[in-house]
Amino acid sequence: MRSKYIIPPLIVILGLLALYYLFPSDEKKIKKQFTLLSEWAAKDQEESSFTMAHKAGNIGRLFVERVELEVPEFDLSGSYTREEIVGYTARVRLSFSRLSLQFYDPTIAFLEKGAAKVDLRGRLRGNSTGGEEVDETREIVCVLKKIEDQWLFTHLKVAEVQKNKG
């Protein structure tokens, strides 16, 4: 008798959970791209050359064919191909023995159908191959475009975090 009152709401709840996980929102898909970028940028000391190349190639899949980059600190300003992004990624990763990249406080604004602007902070931590410890935080502005149901980076601007003058 009790099961006929419990089973229908349970089925509805399970159905809603399935929808949530099987059909994520665009906002969730965009956040996933940053999670993948963090995972593929990460490097530990025992990483093989094969793993390094695989991760750099995976990072390339997160970008459109031509990406607008603005990273004044590294003299990157202009339009770059996906292959150039993979090359820069590999070079940066080679200069570190250990590396992690985390993103914080994303603010997503949908500009138009199939385009979104994301403002967030990125923190890069690790050790250079020369033994120097690195811990830097930057403001990042990205534009992503939805292409064949996948959100890809089209524009990336990196700037230093503004420090308050006390």
N, C-alpha and C. Protein backbone atom coordinates (compact mmCIF):
# COMPACT_ATOMS: atom_id res chain seq x y z
N MET A 1 0.82 -1.19 0.00
CA MET A 1 0.00 0.00 0.00
C MET A 1 0.86 1.26 0.00
N ARG A 2 1.91 1.27 0.85
CA ARG A 2 2.75 2.45 0.95
C ARG A 2 3.59 2.66 -0.31
N SER A 3 3.98 1.58 -0.96
CA SER A 3 4.84 1.68 -2.14
C SER A 3 4.17 2.42 -3.29
N LYS A 4 2.84 2.36 -3.39
CA LYS A 4 2.20 3.07 -4.49
C LYS A 4 2.26 4.59 -4.30
N TYR A 5 2.58 5.07 -3.08
CA TYR A 5 2.74 6.50 -2.83
C TYR A 5 4.20 6.93 -2.89
N ILE A 6 5.11 6.00 -2.72
CA ILE A 6 6.53 6.31 -2.71
C ILE A 6 7.15 6.17 -4.10
N ILE A 7 6.76 5.19 -4.84
CA ILE A 7 7.40 4.89 -6.13
C ILE A 7 7.22 6.01 -7.16
N PRO A 8 6.03 6.58 -7.39
CA PRO A 8 5.93 7.65 -8.41
C PRO A 8 6.82 8.86 -8.12
N PRO A 9 6.86 9.42 -6.89
CA PRO A 9 7.78 10.55 -6.67
C PRO A 9 9.24 10.14 -6.82
N LEU A 10 9.58 8.91 -6.44
CA LEU A 10 10.94 8.42 -6.58
C LEU A 10 11.33 8.35 -8.06
N ILE A 11 10.43 7.90 -8.89
CA ILE A 11 10.67 7.83 -10.34
C ILE A 11 10.87 9.23 -10.91
N VAL A 12 10.07 10.19 -10.48
CA VAL A 12 10.20 11.57 -10.95
C VAL A 12 11.55 12.14 -10.54
N ILE A 13 11.96 11.92 -9.30
CA ILE A 13 13.25 12.43 -8.81
C ILE A 13 14.39 11.80 -9.59
N LEU A 14 14.36 10.50 -9.79
CA LEU A 14 15.40 9.82 -10.57
C LEU A 14 15.44 10.32 -12.01
N GLY A 15 14.27 10.57 -12.58
CA GLY A 15 14.20 11.11 -13.94
C GLY A 15 14.82 12.49 -14.04
N LEU A 16 14.55 13.35 -13.07
CA LEU A 16 15.13 14.69 -13.06
C LEU A 16 16.65 14.65 -12.88
N LEU A 17 17.11 13.77 -12.01
CA LEU A 17 18.56 13.61 -11.84
C LEU A 17 19.21 13.12 -13.12
N ALA A 18 18.58 12.18 -13.79
CA ALA A 18 19.11 11.67 -15.06
C ALA A 18 19.19 12.79 -16.10
N LEU A 19 18.14 13.60 -16.19
CA LEU A 19 18.16 14.73 -17.13
C LEU A 19 19.29 15.70 -16.81
N TYR A 20 19.47 15.99 -15.53
CA TYR A 20 20.50 16.92 -15.09
C TYR A 20 21.89 16.44 -15.50
N TYR A 21 22.17 15.15 -15.32
CA TYR A 21 23.49 14.62 -15.63
C TYR A 21 23.67 14.24 -17.10
N LEU A 22 22.63 13.80 -17.75
CA LEU A 22 22.75 13.39 -19.16
C LEU A 22 22.67 14.57 -20.12
N PHE A 23 22.00 15.63 -19.71
CA PHE A 23 21.84 16.80 -20.57
C PHE A 23 22.24 18.06 -19.79
N PRO A 24 23.55 18.26 -19.59
CA PRO A 24 24.00 19.41 -18.80
C PRO A 24 23.70 20.73 -19.51
N SER A 25 23.56 21.76 -18.72
CA SER A 25 23.30 23.10 -19.25
C SER A 25 24.55 23.62 -19.95
N ASP A 26 24.37 24.66 -20.77
CA ASP A 26 25.52 25.27 -21.44
C ASP A 26 26.52 25.81 -20.42
N GLU A 27 26.03 26.37 -19.33
CA GLU A 27 26.93 26.88 -18.29
C GLU A 27 27.80 25.76 -17.73
N LYS A 28 27.21 24.62 -17.50
CA LYS A 28 27.96 23.48 -16.98
C LYS A 28 28.98 22.98 -18.02
N LYS A 29 28.59 22.98 -19.29
CA LYS A 29 29.51 22.56 -20.35
C LYS A 29 30.70 23.51 -20.46
N ILE A 30 30.45 24.81 -20.29
CA ILE A 30 31.53 25.79 -20.34
C ILE A 30 32.49 25.57 -19.17
N LYS A 31 31.95 25.39 -17.98
CA LYS A 31 32.80 25.14 -16.81
C LYS A 31 33.63 23.87 -17.00
N LYS A 32 33.06 22.89 -17.67
CA LYS A 32 33.77 21.64 -17.93
C LYS A 32 35.02 21.89 -18.80
N GLN A 33 34.93 22.83 -19.74
CA GLN A 33 36.08 23.14 -20.58
C GLN A 33 37.25 23.67 -19.74
N PHE A 34 36.94 24.47 -18.73
CA PHE A 34 37.99 24.97 -17.84
C PHE A 34 38.56 23.85 -16.98
N THR A 35 37.71 22.92 -16.57
CA THR A 35 38.18 21.76 -15.81
C THR A 35 39.14 20.92 -16.66
N LEU A 36 38.77 20.70 -17.93
CA LEU A 36 39.65 19.95 -18.83
C LEU A 36 40.96 20.68 -19.05
N LEU A 37 40.89 22.00 -19.24
CA LEU A 37 42.10 22.79 -19.43
C LEU A 37 43.02 22.64 -18.21
N SER A 38 42.45 22.67 -17.01
CA SER A 38 43.24 22.48 -15.78
C SER A 38 43.89 21.11 -15.75
N GLU A 39 43.10 20.08 -16.05
CA GLU A 39 43.62 18.70 -16.02
C GLU A 39 44.74 18.51 -17.02
N TRP A 40 44.56 19.02 -18.23
CA TRP A 40 45.55 18.79 -19.28
C TRP A 40 46.76 19.70 -19.15
N ALA A 41 46.64 20.81 -18.43
CA ALA A 41 47.79 21.69 -18.20
C ALA A 41 48.67 21.13 -17.08
N ALA A 42 48.08 20.36 -16.16
CA ALA A 42 48.80 19.85 -15.00
C ALA A 42 49.96 18.94 -15.43
N LYS A 43 51.04 19.03 -14.67
CA LYS A 43 52.22 18.21 -14.96
C LYS A 43 52.84 17.80 -13.63
N ASP A 44 53.24 16.53 -13.54
CA ASP A 44 53.99 16.08 -12.37
C ASP A 44 55.40 15.70 -12.82
N GLN A 45 56.26 15.49 -11.88
CA GLN A 45 57.68 15.27 -12.20
C GLN A 45 57.94 14.00 -12.98
N GLU A 46 57.09 13.01 -12.86
CA GLU A 46 57.33 11.73 -13.54
C GLU A 46 56.67 11.66 -14.92
N GLU A 47 56.18 12.75 -15.45
CA GLU A 47 55.45 12.72 -16.71
C GLU A 47 56.37 12.31 -17.87
N SER A 48 55.90 11.38 -18.67
CA SER A 48 56.67 10.93 -19.84
C SER A 48 56.47 11.89 -21.01
N SER A 49 57.31 11.77 -22.01
CA SER A 49 57.20 12.59 -23.22
C SER A 49 55.88 12.30 -23.94
N PHE A 50 55.48 11.03 -23.94
CA PHE A 50 54.22 10.65 -24.58
C PHE A 50 53.05 11.33 -23.89
N THR A 51 53.02 11.32 -22.55
CA THR A 51 51.95 11.96 -21.80
C THR A 51 51.93 13.46 -22.06
N MET A 52 53.12 14.07 -22.10
CA MET A 52 53.21 15.50 -22.36
C MET A 52 52.62 15.85 -23.72
N ALA A 53 52.97 15.10 -24.74
CA ALA A 53 52.45 15.36 -26.08
C ALA A 53 50.94 15.13 -26.14
N HIS A 54 50.47 14.11 -25.47
CA HIS A 54 49.04 13.80 -25.43
C HIS A 54 48.25 14.93 -24.77
N LYS A 55 48.74 15.42 -23.63
CA LYS A 55 48.05 16.49 -22.93
C LYS A 55 48.05 17.79 -23.76
N ALA A 56 49.18 18.11 -24.37
CA ALA A 56 49.25 19.32 -25.19
C ALA A 56 48.27 19.22 -26.37
N GLY A 57 48.21 18.06 -26.98
CA GLY A 57 47.25 17.85 -28.09
C GLY A 57 45.82 17.98 -27.63
N ASN A 58 45.52 17.45 -26.45
CA ASN A 58 44.16 17.58 -25.90
C ASN A 58 43.80 19.04 -25.67
N ILE A 59 44.75 19.83 -25.18
CA ILE A 59 44.48 21.25 -24.97
C ILE A 59 44.10 21.91 -26.30
N GLY A 60 44.78 21.53 -27.36
CA GLY A 60 44.46 22.08 -28.67
C GLY A 60 43.02 21.84 -29.09
N ARG A 61 42.45 20.72 -28.65
CA ARG A 61 41.06 20.41 -29.02
C ARG A 61 40.05 21.32 -28.35
N LEU A 62 40.48 22.10 -27.36
CA LEU A 62 39.57 23.02 -26.66
C LEU A 62 39.42 24.35 -27.40
N PHE A 63 40.20 24.55 -28.46
CA PHE A 63 40.23 25.82 -29.18
C PHE A 63 39.70 25.68 -30.60
N VAL A 64 39.18 26.79 -31.14
CA VAL A 64 38.78 26.83 -32.55
C VAL A 64 40.06 26.84 -33.39
N GLU A 65 39.90 26.75 -34.71
CA GLU A 65 41.06 26.70 -35.60
C GLU A 65 41.96 27.94 -35.50
N ARG A 66 41.38 29.12 -35.33
CA ARG A 66 42.15 30.36 -35.16
C ARG A 66 41.65 31.06 -33.91
N VAL A 67 42.57 31.32 -33.00
CA VAL A 67 42.25 31.88 -31.69
C VAL A 67 42.91 33.24 -31.54
N GLU A 68 42.19 34.17 -30.96
CA GLU A 68 42.74 35.49 -30.64
C GLU A 68 43.33 35.41 -29.23
N LEU A 69 44.62 35.67 -29.11
CA LEU A 69 45.29 35.65 -27.82
C LEU A 69 45.82 37.02 -27.46
N GLU A 70 45.68 37.38 -26.20
CA GLU A 70 46.28 38.60 -25.67
C GLU A 70 46.94 38.24 -24.35
N VAL A 71 48.24 37.95 -24.42
CA VAL A 71 49.02 37.63 -23.23
C VAL A 71 50.29 38.47 -23.30
N PRO A 72 50.18 39.76 -22.92
CA PRO A 72 51.32 40.68 -23.07
C PRO A 72 52.59 40.22 -22.38
N GLU A 73 52.48 39.55 -21.25
CA GLU A 73 53.64 39.11 -20.50
C GLU A 73 54.53 38.18 -21.31
N PHE A 74 53.94 37.45 -22.26
CA PHE A 74 54.71 36.52 -23.09
C PHE A 74 54.74 36.96 -24.56
N ASP A 75 54.46 38.22 -24.80
CA ASP A 75 54.48 38.78 -26.15
C ASP A 75 53.59 38.01 -27.12
N LEU A 76 52.45 37.54 -26.64
CA LEU A 76 51.47 36.87 -27.50
C LEU A 76 50.29 37.82 -27.68
N SER A 77 50.14 38.30 -28.88
CA SER A 77 49.03 39.17 -29.18
C SER A 77 48.71 39.02 -30.66
N GLY A 78 47.53 38.46 -30.93
CA GLY A 78 47.15 38.27 -32.32
C GLY A 78 46.39 36.98 -32.50
N SER A 79 46.34 36.55 -33.74
CA SER A 79 45.59 35.36 -34.11
C SER A 79 46.56 34.18 -34.26
N TYR A 80 46.23 33.07 -33.59
CA TYR A 80 47.09 31.90 -33.60
C TYR A 80 46.29 30.67 -33.98
N THR A 81 46.94 29.75 -34.68
CA THR A 81 46.26 28.51 -35.06
C THR A 81 46.23 27.55 -33.87
N ARG A 82 45.39 26.58 -33.98
CA ARG A 82 45.30 25.54 -32.95
C ARG A 82 46.66 24.85 -32.78
N GLU A 83 47.36 24.59 -33.88
CA GLU A 83 48.67 23.94 -33.83
C GLU A 83 49.69 24.82 -33.10
N GLU A 84 49.62 26.13 -33.31
CA GLU A 84 50.53 27.03 -32.60
C GLU A 84 50.23 27.01 -31.10
N ILE A 85 48.96 26.94 -30.74
CA ILE A 85 48.57 26.84 -29.32
C ILE A 85 49.18 25.58 -28.71
N VAL A 86 49.08 24.46 -29.42
CA VAL A 86 49.66 23.20 -28.94
C VAL A 86 51.17 23.36 -28.76
N GLY A 87 51.84 24.01 -29.69
CA GLY A 87 53.28 24.23 -29.60
C GLY A 87 53.66 25.08 -28.40
N TYR A 88 52.95 26.19 -28.20
CA TYR A 88 53.22 27.06 -27.04
C TYR A 88 52.97 26.30 -25.74
N THR A 89 51.89 25.52 -25.72
CA THR A 89 51.57 24.74 -24.52
C THR A 89 52.69 23.76 -24.20
N ALA A 90 53.18 23.07 -25.20
CA ALA A 90 54.26 22.10 -24.99
C ALA A 90 55.51 22.79 -24.46
N ARG A 91 55.84 23.96 -25.03
CA ARG A 91 57.04 24.67 -24.58
C ARG A 91 56.92 25.14 -23.14
N VAL A 92 55.75 25.67 -22.79
CA VAL A 92 55.55 26.12 -21.41
C VAL A 92 55.64 24.93 -20.46
N ARG A 93 55.00 23.83 -20.82
CA ARG A 93 55.02 22.65 -19.95
C ARG A 93 56.44 22.08 -19.81
N LEU A 94 57.26 22.18 -20.87
CA LEU A 94 58.64 21.69 -20.81
C LEU A 94 59.49 22.51 -19.83
N SER A 95 59.12 23.76 -19.63
CA SER A 95 59.91 24.62 -18.74
C SER A 95 59.56 24.42 -17.26
N PHE A 96 58.63 23.49 -16.98
CA PHE A 96 58.24 23.18 -15.60
C PHE A 96 58.47 21.71 -15.30
N SER A 97 58.91 21.44 -14.07
CA SER A 97 59.00 20.05 -13.62
C SER A 97 57.69 19.63 -12.97
N ARG A 98 56.99 20.59 -12.41
CA ARG A 98 55.68 20.37 -11.79
C ARG A 98 54.83 21.59 -12.08
N LEU A 99 53.54 21.36 -12.40
CA LEU A 99 52.68 22.48 -12.80
C LEU A 99 51.23 22.18 -12.48
N SER A 100 50.52 23.20 -11.99
CA SER A 100 49.07 23.08 -11.82
C SER A 100 48.44 24.40 -12.21
N LEU A 101 47.23 24.31 -12.73
CA LEU A 101 46.47 25.49 -13.15
C LEU A 101 45.05 25.32 -12.64
N GLN A 102 44.61 26.29 -11.85
CA GLN A 102 43.24 26.26 -11.34
C GLN A 102 42.52 27.54 -11.72
N PHE A 103 41.21 27.42 -11.89
CA PHE A 103 40.38 28.57 -12.22
C PHE A 103 39.39 28.81 -11.10
N TYR A 104 39.16 30.10 -10.81
CA TYR A 104 38.28 30.49 -9.71
C TYR A 104 37.27 31.55 -10.14
N ASP A 105 36.14 31.52 -9.49
CA ASP A 105 35.10 32.55 -9.60
C ASP A 105 34.68 32.89 -11.03
N PRO A 106 34.30 31.89 -11.82
CA PRO A 106 33.88 32.22 -13.19
C PRO A 106 32.54 32.96 -13.21
N THR A 107 32.48 33.98 -14.04
CA THR A 107 31.25 34.69 -14.31
C THR A 107 30.97 34.51 -15.79
N ILE A 108 29.86 33.86 -16.10
CA ILE A 108 29.54 33.55 -17.49
C ILE A 108 28.41 34.44 -17.96
N ALA A 109 28.63 35.11 -19.09
CA ALA A 109 27.60 35.96 -19.70
C ALA A 109 27.40 35.47 -21.13
N PHE A 110 26.17 35.14 -21.46
CA PHE A 110 25.88 34.69 -22.82
C PHE A 110 25.67 35.93 -23.69
N LEU A 111 26.55 36.10 -24.67
CA LEU A 111 26.54 37.29 -25.53
C LEU A 111 25.44 37.22 -26.56
N GLU A 112 25.30 36.09 -27.15
CA GLU A 112 24.31 35.82 -28.19
C GLU A 112 24.15 34.32 -28.24
N LYS A 113 23.27 33.86 -29.07
CA LYS A 113 23.10 32.41 -29.16
C LYS A 113 24.39 31.76 -29.64
N GLY A 114 24.91 30.85 -28.83
CA GLY A 114 26.12 30.14 -29.21
C GLY A 114 27.42 30.85 -28.90
N ALA A 115 27.39 31.90 -28.08
CA ALA A 115 28.61 32.61 -27.71
C ALA A 115 28.51 33.04 -26.24
N ALA A 116 29.63 32.91 -25.53
CA ALA A 116 29.65 33.28 -24.12
C ALA A 116 30.98 33.92 -23.76
N LYS A 117 30.91 34.89 -22.85
CA LYS A 117 32.10 35.55 -22.31
C LYS A 117 32.26 35.08 -20.87
N VAL A 118 33.48 34.69 -20.52
CA VAL A 118 33.75 34.20 -19.17
C VAL A 118 34.86 35.04 -18.56
N ASP A 119 34.57 35.63 -17.41
CA ASP A 119 35.57 36.36 -16.62
C ASP A 119 35.90 35.49 -15.41
N LEU A 120 37.19 35.30 -15.15
CA LEU A 120 37.58 34.47 -14.02
C LEU A 120 39.03 34.75 -13.66
N ARG A 121 39.49 34.08 -12.62
CA ARG A 121 40.89 34.16 -12.22
C ARG A 121 41.53 32.81 -12.45
N GLY A 122 42.78 32.84 -12.87
CA GLY A 122 43.55 31.61 -13.03
C GLY A 122 44.78 31.66 -12.15
N ARG A 123 45.06 30.56 -11.50
CA ARG A 123 46.24 30.48 -10.64
C ARG A 123 47.16 29.39 -11.18
N LEU A 124 48.38 29.78 -11.48
CA LEU A 124 49.42 28.88 -11.99
C LEU A 124 50.44 28.66 -10.88
N ARG A 125 50.64 27.40 -10.54
CA ARG A 125 51.60 27.05 -9.49
C ARG A 125 52.48 25.92 -9.97
N GLY A 126 53.72 25.95 -9.53
CA GLY A 126 54.61 24.86 -9.89
C GLY A 126 56.06 25.19 -9.62
N ASN A 127 56.92 24.38 -10.21
CA ASN A 127 58.36 24.56 -10.11
C ASN A 127 58.94 24.53 -11.51
N SER A 128 59.76 25.53 -11.80
CA SER A 128 60.41 25.54 -13.10
C SER A 128 61.50 24.48 -13.12
N THR A 129 61.96 24.13 -14.30
CA THR A 129 63.03 23.14 -14.40
C THR A 129 64.31 23.66 -13.77
N GLY A 130 64.41 24.98 -13.60
CA GLY A 130 65.58 25.57 -12.94
C GLY A 130 65.44 25.59 -11.42
N GLY A 131 64.32 25.09 -10.89
CA GLY A 131 64.13 25.01 -9.45
C GLY A 131 63.37 26.17 -8.84
N GLU A 132 63.01 27.16 -9.65
CA GLU A 132 62.27 28.32 -9.13
C GLU A 132 60.82 27.96 -8.87
N GLU A 133 60.31 28.39 -7.72
CA GLU A 133 58.91 28.15 -7.39
C GLU A 133 58.06 29.27 -8.01
N VAL A 134 56.96 28.86 -8.63
CA VAL A 134 56.08 29.81 -9.30
C VAL A 134 54.69 29.71 -8.67
N ASP A 135 54.11 30.87 -8.35
CA ASP A 135 52.74 30.94 -7.83
C ASP A 135 52.17 32.28 -8.27
N GLU A 136 51.43 32.27 -9.36
CA GLU A 136 50.93 33.50 -9.95
C GLU A 136 49.43 33.40 -10.20
N THR A 137 48.74 34.52 -9.97
CA THR A 137 47.31 34.60 -10.24
C THR A 137 47.08 35.69 -11.28
N ARG A 138 46.22 35.42 -12.24
CA ARG A 138 45.92 36.37 -13.31
C ARG A 138 44.41 36.49 -13.51
N GLU A 139 44.01 37.65 -13.99
CA GLU A 139 42.63 37.86 -14.44
C GLU A 139 42.56 37.35 -15.87
N ILE A 140 41.51 36.63 -16.19
CA ILE A 140 41.37 36.05 -17.52
C ILE A 140 39.98 36.36 -18.06
N VAL A 141 39.93 36.76 -19.31
CA VAL A 141 38.67 36.96 -20.01
C VAL A 141 38.70 36.07 -21.24
N CYS A 142 37.68 35.24 -21.37
CA CYS A 142 37.62 34.31 -22.50
C CYS A 142 36.30 34.47 -23.22
N VAL A 143 36.32 34.20 -24.50
CA VAL A 143 35.10 34.08 -25.27
C VAL A 143 35.09 32.67 -25.84
N LEU A 144 33.97 32.00 -25.66
CA LEU A 144 33.80 30.64 -26.18
C LEU A 144 32.63 30.64 -27.14
N LYS A 145 32.72 29.79 -28.14
CA LYS A 145 31.68 29.67 -29.15
C LYS A 145 31.22 28.22 -29.19
N LYS A 146 29.93 28.03 -29.31
CA LYS A 146 29.37 26.69 -29.37
C LYS A 146 29.39 26.20 -30.82
N ILE A 147 30.18 25.17 -31.05
CA ILE A 147 30.32 24.59 -32.39
C ILE A 147 30.04 23.10 -32.27
N GLU A 148 29.03 22.65 -32.97
CA GLU A 148 28.62 21.23 -32.94
C GLU A 148 28.46 20.75 -31.50
N ASP A 149 27.75 21.51 -30.71
CA ASP A 149 27.41 21.21 -29.31
C ASP A 149 28.62 21.16 -28.39
N GLN A 150 29.75 21.74 -28.81
CA GLN A 150 30.93 21.80 -27.96
C GLN A 150 31.37 23.26 -27.84
N TRP A 151 31.64 23.71 -26.62
CA TRP A 151 32.09 25.07 -26.37
C TRP A 151 33.60 25.13 -26.55
N LEU A 152 34.07 25.95 -27.51
CA LEU A 152 35.49 26.08 -27.81
C LEU A 152 35.95 27.51 -27.59
N PHE A 153 37.18 27.65 -27.13
CA PHE A 153 37.77 28.97 -26.89
C PHE A 153 38.05 29.66 -28.22
N THR A 154 37.59 30.91 -28.35
CA THR A 154 37.87 31.69 -29.55
C THR A 154 38.76 32.89 -29.24
N HIS A 155 38.72 33.36 -27.98
CA HIS A 155 39.49 34.52 -27.59
C HIS A 155 39.92 34.34 -26.13
N LEU A 156 41.16 34.69 -25.85
CA LEU A 156 41.69 34.54 -24.50
C LEU A 156 42.57 35.74 -24.19
N LYS A 157 42.22 36.45 -23.12
CA LYS A 157 43.00 37.61 -22.70
C LYS A 157 43.42 37.39 -21.25
N VAL A 158 44.73 37.54 -20.99
CA VAL A 158 45.28 37.33 -19.66
C VAL A 158 45.90 38.65 -19.20
N ALA A 159 45.56 39.06 -17.97
CA ALA A 159 46.12 40.29 -17.41
C ALA A 159 46.50 40.04 -15.96
N GLU A 160 47.45 40.85 -15.46
CA GLU A 160 47.84 40.73 -14.06
C GLU A 160 46.68 41.14 -13.17
N VAL A 161 46.60 40.53 -12.01
CA VAL A 161 45.60 40.90 -11.03
C VAL A 161 45.98 42.27 -10.48
N GLN A 162 45.01 43.16 -10.47
CA GLN A 162 45.24 44.50 -9.93
C GLN A 162 45.34 44.44 -8.41
N LYS A 163 46.40 45.00 -7.88
CA LYS A 163 46.59 45.01 -6.43
C LYS A 163 46.11 46.34 -5.87
N ASN A 164 45.42 46.29 -4.75
CA ASN A 164 44.97 47.50 -4.09
C ASN A 164 46.15 48.23 -3.46
N LYS A 165 46.16 49.54 -3.62
CA LYS A 165 47.21 50.33 -2.99
C LYS A 165 46.73 50.69 -1.59
N GLY A 166 47.54 50.36 -0.58
CA GLY A 166 47.13 50.58 0.80
C GLY A 166 47.76 51.76 1.33
